[in-house]
N, C-alpha and C. Protein backbone atom coordinates (compact mmCIF):
# COMPACT_ATOMS: atom_id res chain seq x y z
N MET A 1 68.33 -47.28 -98.14
CA MET A 1 68.53 -47.44 -96.71
C MET A 1 69.87 -46.52 -96.45
N LYS A 2 71.25 -47.18 -96.96
CA LYS A 2 72.75 -46.59 -96.89
C LYS A 2 72.84 -45.56 -97.24
N GLU A 3 71.45 -44.90 -97.91
CA GLU A 3 72.13 -43.25 -98.53
C GLU A 3 71.40 -42.66 -97.68
N ILE A 4 70.44 -42.78 -96.53
CA ILE A 4 70.20 -42.36 -95.29
C ILE A 4 70.52 -42.45 -94.42
N SER A 5 70.91 -43.59 -94.05
CA SER A 5 72.25 -43.61 -92.92
C SER A 5 73.45 -42.79 -93.24
N ASN A 6 73.87 -42.37 -93.89
CA ASN A 6 74.84 -41.50 -94.77
C ASN A 6 74.55 -40.04 -94.45
N GLN A 7 73.28 -39.68 -95.24
CA GLN A 7 72.89 -38.42 -94.52
C GLN A 7 72.79 -38.02 -93.36
N ARG A 8 72.16 -39.22 -92.25
CA ARG A 8 72.04 -38.75 -91.43
C ARG A 8 73.04 -38.59 -90.20
N ILE A 9 74.14 -39.38 -90.28
CA ILE A 9 75.72 -38.99 -90.06
C ILE A 9 76.12 -37.50 -90.46
N ALA A 10 76.01 -37.40 -91.59
CA ALA A 10 76.77 -36.42 -92.31
C ALA A 10 75.92 -34.91 -91.82
N VAL A 11 74.34 -34.95 -91.16
CA VAL A 11 74.06 -33.85 -90.86
C VAL A 11 74.33 -33.96 -89.31
N ALA A 12 73.98 -35.20 -88.51
CA ALA A 12 74.71 -34.76 -86.75
C ALA A 12 76.13 -34.62 -87.13
N ALA A 13 77.04 -34.65 -87.94
CA ALA A 13 78.66 -34.18 -88.09
C ALA A 13 78.57 -32.62 -88.31
N ALA A 14 77.79 -32.21 -89.27
CA ALA A 14 78.02 -30.45 -89.63
C ALA A 14 77.28 -30.31 -88.21
N VAL A 15 75.94 -30.13 -87.72
CA VAL A 15 75.29 -29.56 -86.64
C VAL A 15 76.54 -29.68 -85.67
N ILE A 16 77.30 -30.51 -85.06
CA ILE A 16 78.34 -30.11 -84.35
C ILE A 16 79.50 -29.84 -84.54
N PHE A 17 79.73 -29.67 -85.60
CA PHE A 17 80.91 -29.23 -86.56
C PHE A 17 80.32 -27.26 -86.51
N VAL A 18 79.73 -27.18 -86.35
CA VAL A 18 79.02 -25.78 -86.85
C VAL A 18 78.68 -24.95 -85.26
N LEU A 19 78.25 -26.06 -84.01
CA LEU A 19 78.19 -25.65 -83.13
C LEU A 19 79.47 -25.44 -82.40
N ASP A 20 80.55 -26.23 -82.53
CA ASP A 20 81.72 -26.08 -82.05
C ASP A 20 81.96 -24.93 -82.81
N GLN A 21 82.32 -24.93 -83.97
CA GLN A 21 83.05 -23.85 -84.21
C GLN A 21 82.76 -22.26 -84.01
N LEU A 22 81.05 -22.18 -84.08
CA LEU A 22 80.29 -21.27 -83.55
C LEU A 22 81.05 -20.46 -82.56
N THR A 23 81.33 -21.12 -80.89
CA THR A 23 80.95 -21.44 -79.77
C THR A 23 82.85 -20.93 -79.51
N LYS A 24 83.54 -21.31 -80.06
CA LYS A 24 84.68 -21.46 -80.03
C LYS A 24 84.99 -20.07 -80.94
N ALA A 25 84.49 -19.30 -81.79
CA ALA A 25 84.45 -17.94 -82.34
C ALA A 25 84.15 -16.68 -81.39
N LEU A 26 83.03 -17.33 -80.72
CA LEU A 26 82.48 -16.45 -79.37
C LEU A 26 83.26 -16.16 -78.61
N VAL A 27 84.14 -17.40 -78.14
CA VAL A 27 84.77 -17.19 -76.75
C VAL A 27 86.27 -16.90 -77.40
N ILE A 28 86.45 -17.01 -78.50
CA ILE A 28 87.88 -16.04 -78.81
C ILE A 28 87.03 -14.48 -79.10
N LYS A 29 85.92 -13.78 -79.93
CA LYS A 29 85.70 -12.48 -79.67
C LYS A 29 85.59 -11.91 -78.54
N PHE A 30 84.98 -12.57 -77.41
CA PHE A 30 84.29 -12.10 -76.19
C PHE A 30 85.90 -12.38 -75.21
N PHE A 31 86.79 -13.10 -74.88
CA PHE A 31 87.82 -13.37 -74.11
C PHE A 31 88.75 -13.25 -75.07
N SER A 32 89.76 -12.60 -73.93
CA SER A 32 91.17 -13.02 -74.44
C SER A 32 92.07 -13.77 -74.03
N ALA A 33 92.76 -14.47 -74.59
CA ALA A 33 93.70 -15.42 -74.12
C ALA A 33 93.96 -15.95 -72.94
N ASP A 34 93.59 -17.13 -72.68
CA ASP A 34 94.12 -17.44 -70.55
C ASP A 34 92.80 -16.10 -69.98
N GLN A 35 92.03 -15.76 -69.95
CA GLN A 35 91.39 -15.05 -69.53
C GLN A 35 89.82 -16.21 -69.01
N GLU A 36 89.48 -15.96 -67.74
CA GLU A 36 88.79 -16.27 -67.58
C GLU A 36 87.40 -16.36 -66.72
N LYS A 37 86.10 -16.43 -66.89
CA LYS A 37 85.01 -15.58 -66.46
C LYS A 37 83.93 -16.71 -65.39
N VAL A 38 84.28 -16.79 -64.65
CA VAL A 38 83.49 -17.67 -63.28
C VAL A 38 81.82 -17.26 -63.39
N LEU A 39 81.30 -18.51 -63.71
CA LEU A 39 80.22 -18.64 -63.52
C LEU A 39 78.96 -18.82 -62.13
N LEU A 40 79.95 -20.05 -61.76
CA LEU A 40 79.67 -20.62 -60.44
C LEU A 40 81.04 -21.09 -60.11
N ASP A 41 81.36 -20.24 -58.44
CA ASP A 41 82.57 -20.03 -57.87
C ASP A 41 82.56 -21.55 -57.25
N GLY A 42 83.67 -21.80 -57.49
CA GLY A 42 84.32 -23.24 -56.97
C GLY A 42 83.59 -24.33 -57.93
N PHE A 43 82.92 -24.70 -59.22
CA PHE A 43 82.45 -25.17 -59.68
C PHE A 43 82.55 -25.14 -60.91
N PHE A 44 82.28 -24.15 -61.68
CA PHE A 44 82.01 -24.03 -63.53
C PHE A 44 82.10 -22.09 -63.86
N LYS A 45 83.35 -22.34 -65.15
CA LYS A 45 83.88 -21.20 -65.37
C LYS A 45 84.09 -21.45 -67.06
N PHE A 46 83.99 -20.22 -67.63
CA PHE A 46 84.47 -20.13 -69.01
C PHE A 46 85.53 -19.82 -68.74
N VAL A 47 86.75 -20.15 -70.18
CA VAL A 47 87.90 -20.43 -70.35
C VAL A 47 88.18 -19.86 -71.69
N ASN A 48 89.45 -19.50 -72.30
CA ASN A 48 89.80 -19.15 -73.31
C ASN A 48 91.35 -19.89 -73.33
N TRP A 49 91.20 -21.05 -73.19
CA TRP A 49 92.46 -21.74 -73.27
C TRP A 49 93.14 -22.68 -74.19
N GLY A 50 94.29 -22.09 -74.81
CA GLY A 50 94.35 -23.16 -76.13
C GLY A 50 94.96 -24.02 -75.60
N ASN A 51 95.02 -25.50 -76.26
CA ASN A 51 95.65 -26.65 -76.16
C ASN A 51 96.25 -26.90 -77.44
N THR A 52 97.45 -27.00 -77.33
CA THR A 52 98.59 -27.63 -78.60
C THR A 52 98.64 -29.40 -78.32
N GLY A 53 98.19 -30.02 -77.33
CA GLY A 53 98.16 -31.17 -76.54
C GLY A 53 96.93 -32.25 -76.97
N ALA A 54 96.77 -33.15 -76.49
CA ALA A 54 95.63 -33.83 -76.40
C ALA A 54 95.16 -33.83 -75.08
N ALA A 55 93.89 -34.80 -75.21
CA ALA A 55 93.43 -34.55 -73.55
C ALA A 55 94.37 -34.74 -72.27
N TRP A 56 94.09 -33.84 -71.16
CA TRP A 56 94.81 -33.56 -70.77
C TRP A 56 96.14 -32.39 -70.92
N SER A 57 95.98 -32.21 -72.21
CA SER A 57 97.51 -31.42 -72.31
C SER A 57 98.32 -32.60 -72.94
N LEU A 58 98.60 -33.76 -73.15
CA LEU A 58 99.06 -34.62 -73.45
C LEU A 58 99.69 -34.48 -74.41
N PHE A 59 101.22 -35.08 -74.89
CA PHE A 59 101.77 -34.31 -75.86
C PHE A 59 101.38 -33.08 -76.53
N HIS A 60 101.98 -32.14 -75.70
CA HIS A 60 101.84 -30.66 -75.83
C HIS A 60 102.73 -30.04 -76.46
N ASP A 61 102.12 -29.06 -77.42
CA ASP A 61 103.44 -28.81 -78.23
C ASP A 61 103.31 -29.83 -79.64
N ASN A 62 102.74 -30.77 -79.68
CA ASN A 62 102.83 -31.29 -80.95
C ASN A 62 101.04 -31.73 -81.47
N ASN A 63 101.21 -30.14 -81.90
CA ASN A 63 100.31 -30.25 -82.92
C ASN A 63 99.94 -30.31 -83.92
N LEU A 64 100.79 -30.25 -84.76
CA LEU A 64 100.89 -31.02 -86.17
C LEU A 64 100.55 -32.09 -86.23
N LEU A 65 101.78 -33.09 -85.28
CA LEU A 65 101.70 -34.62 -85.32
C LEU A 65 100.06 -35.05 -84.80
N LEU A 66 99.50 -34.61 -84.03
CA LEU A 66 98.07 -34.33 -83.41
C LEU A 66 97.00 -34.46 -84.65
N ALA A 67 97.15 -33.11 -85.43
CA ALA A 67 96.53 -33.10 -86.50
C ALA A 67 96.86 -34.06 -87.55
N LEU A 68 97.62 -34.51 -87.82
CA LEU A 68 97.77 -35.76 -88.71
C LEU A 68 97.43 -36.78 -87.95
N VAL A 69 97.47 -37.45 -87.07
CA VAL A 69 96.12 -38.52 -86.06
C VAL A 69 95.23 -38.26 -86.29
N SER A 70 94.66 -37.58 -86.10
CA SER A 70 93.51 -36.82 -86.56
C SER A 70 92.44 -37.05 -87.91
N ALA A 71 93.24 -36.57 -88.92
CA ALA A 71 93.15 -36.72 -90.05
C ALA A 71 93.02 -37.73 -90.25
N LEU A 72 93.90 -39.08 -90.08
CA LEU A 72 93.92 -40.66 -90.41
C LEU A 72 92.72 -40.99 -89.79
N ALA A 73 92.30 -40.64 -88.52
CA ALA A 73 91.64 -41.58 -87.99
C ALA A 73 89.71 -40.73 -88.39
N LEU A 74 89.82 -39.60 -89.10
CA LEU A 74 88.73 -39.23 -89.31
C LEU A 74 88.68 -40.24 -90.81
N ALA A 75 89.69 -40.43 -91.49
CA ALA A 75 89.61 -40.66 -92.84
C ALA A 75 88.79 -42.40 -92.51
N GLY A 76 89.77 -42.91 -91.59
CA GLY A 76 89.76 -44.59 -91.34
C GLY A 76 87.81 -44.37 -90.74
N LEU A 77 87.90 -43.69 -89.88
CA LEU A 77 86.51 -43.60 -89.44
C LEU A 77 85.35 -43.75 -90.27
N ILE A 78 85.85 -42.94 -91.61
CA ILE A 78 84.75 -42.53 -92.87
C ILE A 78 84.61 -43.94 -93.53
N LYS A 79 85.95 -44.40 -93.88
CA LYS A 79 86.17 -45.32 -94.86
C LYS A 79 85.36 -46.67 -94.09
N TRP A 80 85.58 -46.92 -92.93
CA TRP A 80 85.41 -48.15 -92.12
C TRP A 80 83.80 -47.52 -91.26
N ARG A 81 83.28 -46.81 -91.90
CA ARG A 81 82.07 -46.80 -90.49
C ARG A 81 81.46 -47.92 -90.71
N HIS A 82 81.07 -48.72 -92.00
CA HIS A 82 80.16 -49.84 -92.37
C HIS A 82 80.53 -50.79 -91.00
N HIS A 83 81.71 -50.61 -90.64
CA HIS A 83 81.75 -51.82 -89.08
C HIS A 83 80.87 -51.61 -87.88
N PHE A 84 80.60 -50.20 -87.95
CA PHE A 84 79.43 -50.13 -87.00
C PHE A 84 78.43 -50.22 -87.29
N ASP A 85 77.30 -50.81 -86.13
CA ASP A 85 76.13 -50.55 -86.26
C ASP A 85 75.39 -49.07 -86.69
N THR A 86 75.53 -48.90 -88.01
CA THR A 86 74.63 -47.27 -88.11
C THR A 86 73.53 -47.72 -89.17
N SER A 87 73.62 -48.80 -89.19
CA SER A 87 71.89 -49.54 -89.82
C SER A 87 70.85 -48.67 -88.81
N ARG A 88 70.92 -48.34 -87.45
CA ARG A 88 70.22 -47.70 -86.45
C ARG A 88 70.11 -46.41 -86.47
N LEU A 89 69.46 -45.09 -86.14
CA LEU A 89 69.67 -44.13 -85.69
C LEU A 89 70.62 -43.59 -84.86
N ALA A 90 70.88 -45.05 -83.83
CA ALA A 90 71.97 -44.39 -82.53
C ALA A 90 73.38 -44.36 -83.16
N GLY A 91 72.95 -45.64 -83.69
CA GLY A 91 74.62 -45.67 -84.30
C GLY A 91 75.23 -44.77 -85.61
N GLN A 92 73.83 -44.25 -85.86
CA GLN A 92 74.29 -43.02 -87.29
C GLN A 92 74.78 -41.51 -86.28
N MET A 93 74.14 -41.83 -85.20
CA MET A 93 74.33 -40.50 -84.66
C MET A 93 75.77 -39.97 -83.97
N ALA A 94 75.94 -41.44 -83.11
CA ALA A 94 77.38 -41.90 -82.46
C ALA A 94 78.71 -41.65 -84.04
N ILE A 95 78.66 -42.27 -84.61
CA ILE A 95 79.54 -41.81 -86.30
C ILE A 95 79.62 -40.45 -86.75
N GLY A 96 78.25 -40.07 -86.45
CA GLY A 96 78.21 -38.42 -86.85
C GLY A 96 78.42 -37.44 -85.27
N LEU A 97 78.70 -37.91 -84.55
CA LEU A 97 78.85 -36.90 -83.32
C LEU A 97 80.85 -36.95 -83.38
N ILE A 98 81.55 -38.24 -83.58
CA ILE A 98 82.93 -38.24 -83.41
C ILE A 98 83.18 -37.86 -84.58
N ILE A 99 82.92 -37.60 -86.24
CA ILE A 99 83.29 -36.76 -87.11
C ILE A 99 83.19 -35.42 -87.24
N GLY A 100 81.69 -35.17 -86.69
CA GLY A 100 81.79 -33.40 -86.52
C GLY A 100 82.84 -32.90 -85.07
N GLY A 101 83.33 -33.70 -84.06
CA GLY A 101 83.95 -33.34 -83.22
C GLY A 101 85.65 -33.90 -84.02
N ILE A 102 85.32 -34.54 -84.25
CA ILE A 102 86.86 -34.97 -85.55
C ILE A 102 87.63 -33.45 -86.11
N LEU A 103 86.68 -32.99 -86.55
CA LEU A 103 86.85 -31.90 -87.35
C LEU A 103 86.80 -30.85 -86.71
N GLY A 104 85.96 -30.50 -86.05
CA GLY A 104 85.88 -29.23 -85.18
C GLY A 104 87.35 -29.31 -84.93
N ASN A 105 87.90 -30.07 -83.99
CA ASN A 105 89.30 -29.73 -83.54
C ASN A 105 90.09 -29.71 -84.52
N LEU A 106 89.94 -30.34 -85.25
CA LEU A 106 91.11 -30.83 -86.23
C LEU A 106 90.94 -29.56 -87.43
N LEU A 107 90.11 -28.61 -87.56
CA LEU A 107 90.15 -27.18 -88.15
C LEU A 107 90.58 -26.06 -87.01
N ASP A 108 90.23 -26.33 -85.66
CA ASP A 108 91.04 -25.40 -84.70
C ASP A 108 92.96 -25.77 -85.27
N ARG A 109 93.39 -27.04 -85.05
CA ARG A 109 94.92 -27.24 -85.31
C ARG A 109 95.73 -26.59 -86.69
N LEU A 110 94.91 -27.00 -87.49
CA LEU A 110 95.52 -26.43 -89.07
C LEU A 110 95.30 -25.34 -89.13
N PHE A 111 93.96 -24.56 -88.31
CA PHE A 111 93.71 -23.18 -88.80
C PHE A 111 93.99 -21.76 -87.41
N ARG A 112 94.53 -22.07 -86.70
CA ARG A 112 94.67 -21.58 -85.33
C ARG A 112 95.66 -22.36 -84.52
N GLY A 113 96.06 -23.08 -85.12
CA GLY A 113 97.55 -23.61 -84.47
C GLY A 113 97.32 -24.38 -83.06
N GLN A 114 96.00 -24.34 -82.31
CA GLN A 114 96.05 -24.99 -81.06
C GLN A 114 94.40 -25.23 -81.31
N VAL A 115 93.71 -26.12 -80.34
CA VAL A 115 92.46 -26.12 -80.29
C VAL A 115 91.79 -25.39 -78.84
N VAL A 116 90.92 -24.84 -79.59
CA VAL A 116 90.70 -23.78 -78.18
C VAL A 116 89.70 -24.84 -77.50
N ASP A 117 89.58 -24.54 -75.92
CA ASP A 117 89.02 -25.22 -75.28
C ASP A 117 88.25 -24.27 -74.40
N PHE A 118 86.76 -24.10 -73.49
CA PHE A 118 86.42 -22.74 -72.90
C PHE A 118 85.57 -23.43 -71.97
N LEU A 119 85.11 -24.63 -71.82
CA LEU A 119 84.21 -25.25 -70.85
C LEU A 119 85.27 -25.88 -69.07
N ARG A 120 85.22 -25.09 -68.39
CA ARG A 120 86.13 -25.59 -67.15
C ARG A 120 85.21 -25.99 -65.99
N PHE A 121 85.48 -27.35 -64.87
CA PHE A 121 84.61 -27.83 -63.82
C PHE A 121 85.74 -27.64 -63.52
N TYR A 122 85.72 -27.43 -61.92
CA TYR A 122 86.52 -27.29 -60.87
C TYR A 122 85.83 -27.38 -59.95
N MET A 123 86.80 -27.69 -58.53
CA MET A 123 86.30 -27.11 -56.88
C MET A 123 88.23 -26.84 -56.85
N TYR A 124 87.54 -25.88 -55.26
CA TYR A 124 89.31 -25.80 -54.35
C TYR A 124 89.49 -26.84 -53.61
N GLN A 125 90.49 -27.07 -53.52
CA GLN A 125 91.11 -27.91 -52.16
C GLN A 125 90.74 -27.45 -50.82
N ARG A 126 91.32 -27.66 -49.57
CA ARG A 126 91.44 -26.70 -48.35
C ARG A 126 92.13 -25.85 -48.30
N ASP A 127 93.13 -25.92 -49.20
CA ASP A 127 94.35 -24.92 -48.65
C ASP A 127 94.18 -23.79 -50.22
N GLY A 128 93.00 -24.06 -50.51
CA GLY A 128 92.55 -22.86 -51.67
C GLY A 128 92.63 -22.99 -53.05
N HIS A 129 93.79 -23.81 -53.01
CA HIS A 129 94.14 -24.22 -54.93
C HIS A 129 92.93 -25.38 -55.59
N GLU A 130 93.03 -24.76 -56.52
CA GLU A 130 92.01 -25.32 -57.45
C GLU A 130 92.16 -26.44 -58.03
N ILE A 131 91.65 -27.36 -58.57
CA ILE A 131 91.77 -28.51 -59.08
C ILE A 131 90.53 -29.09 -60.15
N GLY A 132 90.73 -29.42 -60.98
CA GLY A 132 89.53 -29.56 -61.79
C GLY A 132 89.24 -30.77 -62.84
N PHE A 133 88.28 -30.88 -63.36
CA PHE A 133 88.78 -31.54 -65.30
C PHE A 133 89.13 -30.52 -65.89
N PRO A 134 90.00 -30.87 -66.38
CA PRO A 134 90.48 -30.25 -67.60
C PRO A 134 89.17 -29.51 -68.64
N ALA A 135 90.06 -28.28 -69.58
CA ALA A 135 88.71 -27.56 -69.75
C ALA A 135 88.45 -28.35 -71.17
N PHE A 136 87.41 -28.13 -72.18
CA PHE A 136 87.33 -28.50 -72.55
C PHE A 136 86.33 -27.83 -73.89
N ASN A 137 85.49 -28.32 -74.79
CA ASN A 137 85.09 -27.95 -76.32
C ASN A 137 83.43 -29.07 -76.17
N ILE A 138 83.09 -28.46 -77.15
CA ILE A 138 81.68 -28.67 -77.80
C ILE A 138 82.56 -30.39 -78.38
N ALA A 139 83.26 -30.09 -79.60
CA ALA A 139 83.50 -31.32 -80.23
C ALA A 139 84.41 -32.12 -79.12
N ASP A 140 85.14 -32.23 -78.36
CA ASP A 140 85.35 -32.93 -77.10
C ASP A 140 84.27 -33.65 -76.62
N SER A 141 83.13 -33.33 -76.38
CA SER A 141 82.38 -33.52 -75.45
C SER A 141 81.34 -34.43 -76.67
N ALA A 142 81.07 -34.06 -77.67
CA ALA A 142 80.64 -34.74 -78.76
C ALA A 142 81.27 -36.19 -78.94
N ILE A 143 82.86 -36.23 -79.07
CA ILE A 143 83.53 -37.49 -79.28
C ILE A 143 83.47 -38.03 -78.24
N CYS A 144 83.68 -37.66 -76.83
CA CYS A 144 83.31 -38.83 -75.74
C CYS A 144 81.95 -38.79 -75.79
N VAL A 145 80.79 -38.13 -75.95
CA VAL A 145 79.38 -39.08 -76.33
C VAL A 145 79.29 -39.83 -77.23
N GLY A 146 80.14 -39.42 -78.02
CA GLY A 146 80.04 -40.77 -79.76
C GLY A 146 80.48 -42.30 -79.30
N VAL A 147 81.90 -41.98 -78.34
CA VAL A 147 82.21 -43.03 -78.33
C VAL A 147 81.88 -43.89 -77.20
N ALA A 148 80.92 -42.98 -76.30
CA ALA A 148 80.14 -43.78 -75.24
C ALA A 148 79.12 -44.27 -75.64
N LEU A 149 78.52 -43.93 -76.75
CA LEU A 149 77.17 -44.68 -77.83
C LEU A 149 77.76 -45.90 -78.21
N LEU A 150 78.89 -45.65 -78.71
CA LEU A 150 79.33 -46.89 -79.48
C LEU A 150 79.36 -47.93 -78.59
N ILE A 151 79.98 -47.66 -77.61
CA ILE A 151 80.19 -48.48 -76.51
C ILE A 151 78.80 -49.21 -75.82
N LEU A 152 77.90 -48.33 -75.82
CA LEU A 152 77.20 -48.88 -75.20
C LEU A 152 76.17 -49.79 -76.46
N ILE A 153 75.90 -49.60 -77.53
CA ILE A 153 75.34 -50.31 -78.91
C ILE A 153 76.05 -51.51 -78.80
N SER A 154 77.24 -51.66 -79.04
CA SER A 154 78.11 -52.88 -78.91
C SER A 154 78.10 -53.69 -77.71
N TRP A 155 77.53 -53.06 -76.64
CA TRP A 155 77.71 -54.08 -74.58
C TRP A 155 76.20 -54.45 -75.03
N MET A 156 75.06 -53.35 -75.67
CA MET A 156 73.36 -54.30 -75.86
C MET A 156 73.17 -54.91 -77.03
N ALA A 157 74.09 -55.06 -77.45
CA ALA A 157 74.19 -56.10 -79.05
C ALA A 157 74.55 -57.02 -78.36
N GLU A 158 76.02 -57.46 -77.60
CA GLU A 158 76.73 -58.52 -77.02
C GLU A 158 75.57 -58.96 -76.45
N ASN A 159 74.57 -58.42 -75.45
CA ASN A 159 73.97 -59.21 -74.34
C ASN A 159 72.53 -59.35 -75.20
N LYS A 160 72.60 -58.82 -76.20
CA LYS A 160 71.06 -59.53 -77.04
C LYS A 160 71.33 -60.95 -77.59
N ALA A 161 72.68 -61.06 -78.69
CA ALA A 161 73.38 -62.54 -78.80
C ALA A 161 73.31 -63.26 -77.78
N GLU A 162 73.75 -63.10 -76.97
CA GLU A 162 73.86 -64.12 -75.70
C GLU A 162 72.86 -64.48 -74.78
N SER A 163 71.43 -63.66 -75.06
CA SER A 163 70.30 -64.04 -74.66
C SER A 163 69.20 -65.13 -75.29
């Protein structure tokens, strides 16, 4: 059973990694740096923004430090994945999503010198200035969904134990 669990984690991670790298390669091929393509004005656009920081560009220009942190987080997650509920499919998918996402952004940091972000949700303020959610990518989405799944699994297990 442990072998099947590890295989499912690896497949989920591989799918996310490939999707992430494929979409980033397409963005790089069809968009120059800092180019934007509005799909729904005042709501969503594709961009080609490089990020040498973390979420919301925190720790901007600390790409190598963040690559090291990512590598350590990845190694720790792989080594201690059994501490999470990976006996069920949801837990396996959660860990796979996180691993695939970390790998996708880590590869960017090591070989591109920055993470490629390309999905941007935004709106206009009354004065016409744009505000919105920071640009992100498939890897970022996978990490967030994976973490949310782990939280949900833990919450459900805790509620079940209390019943």
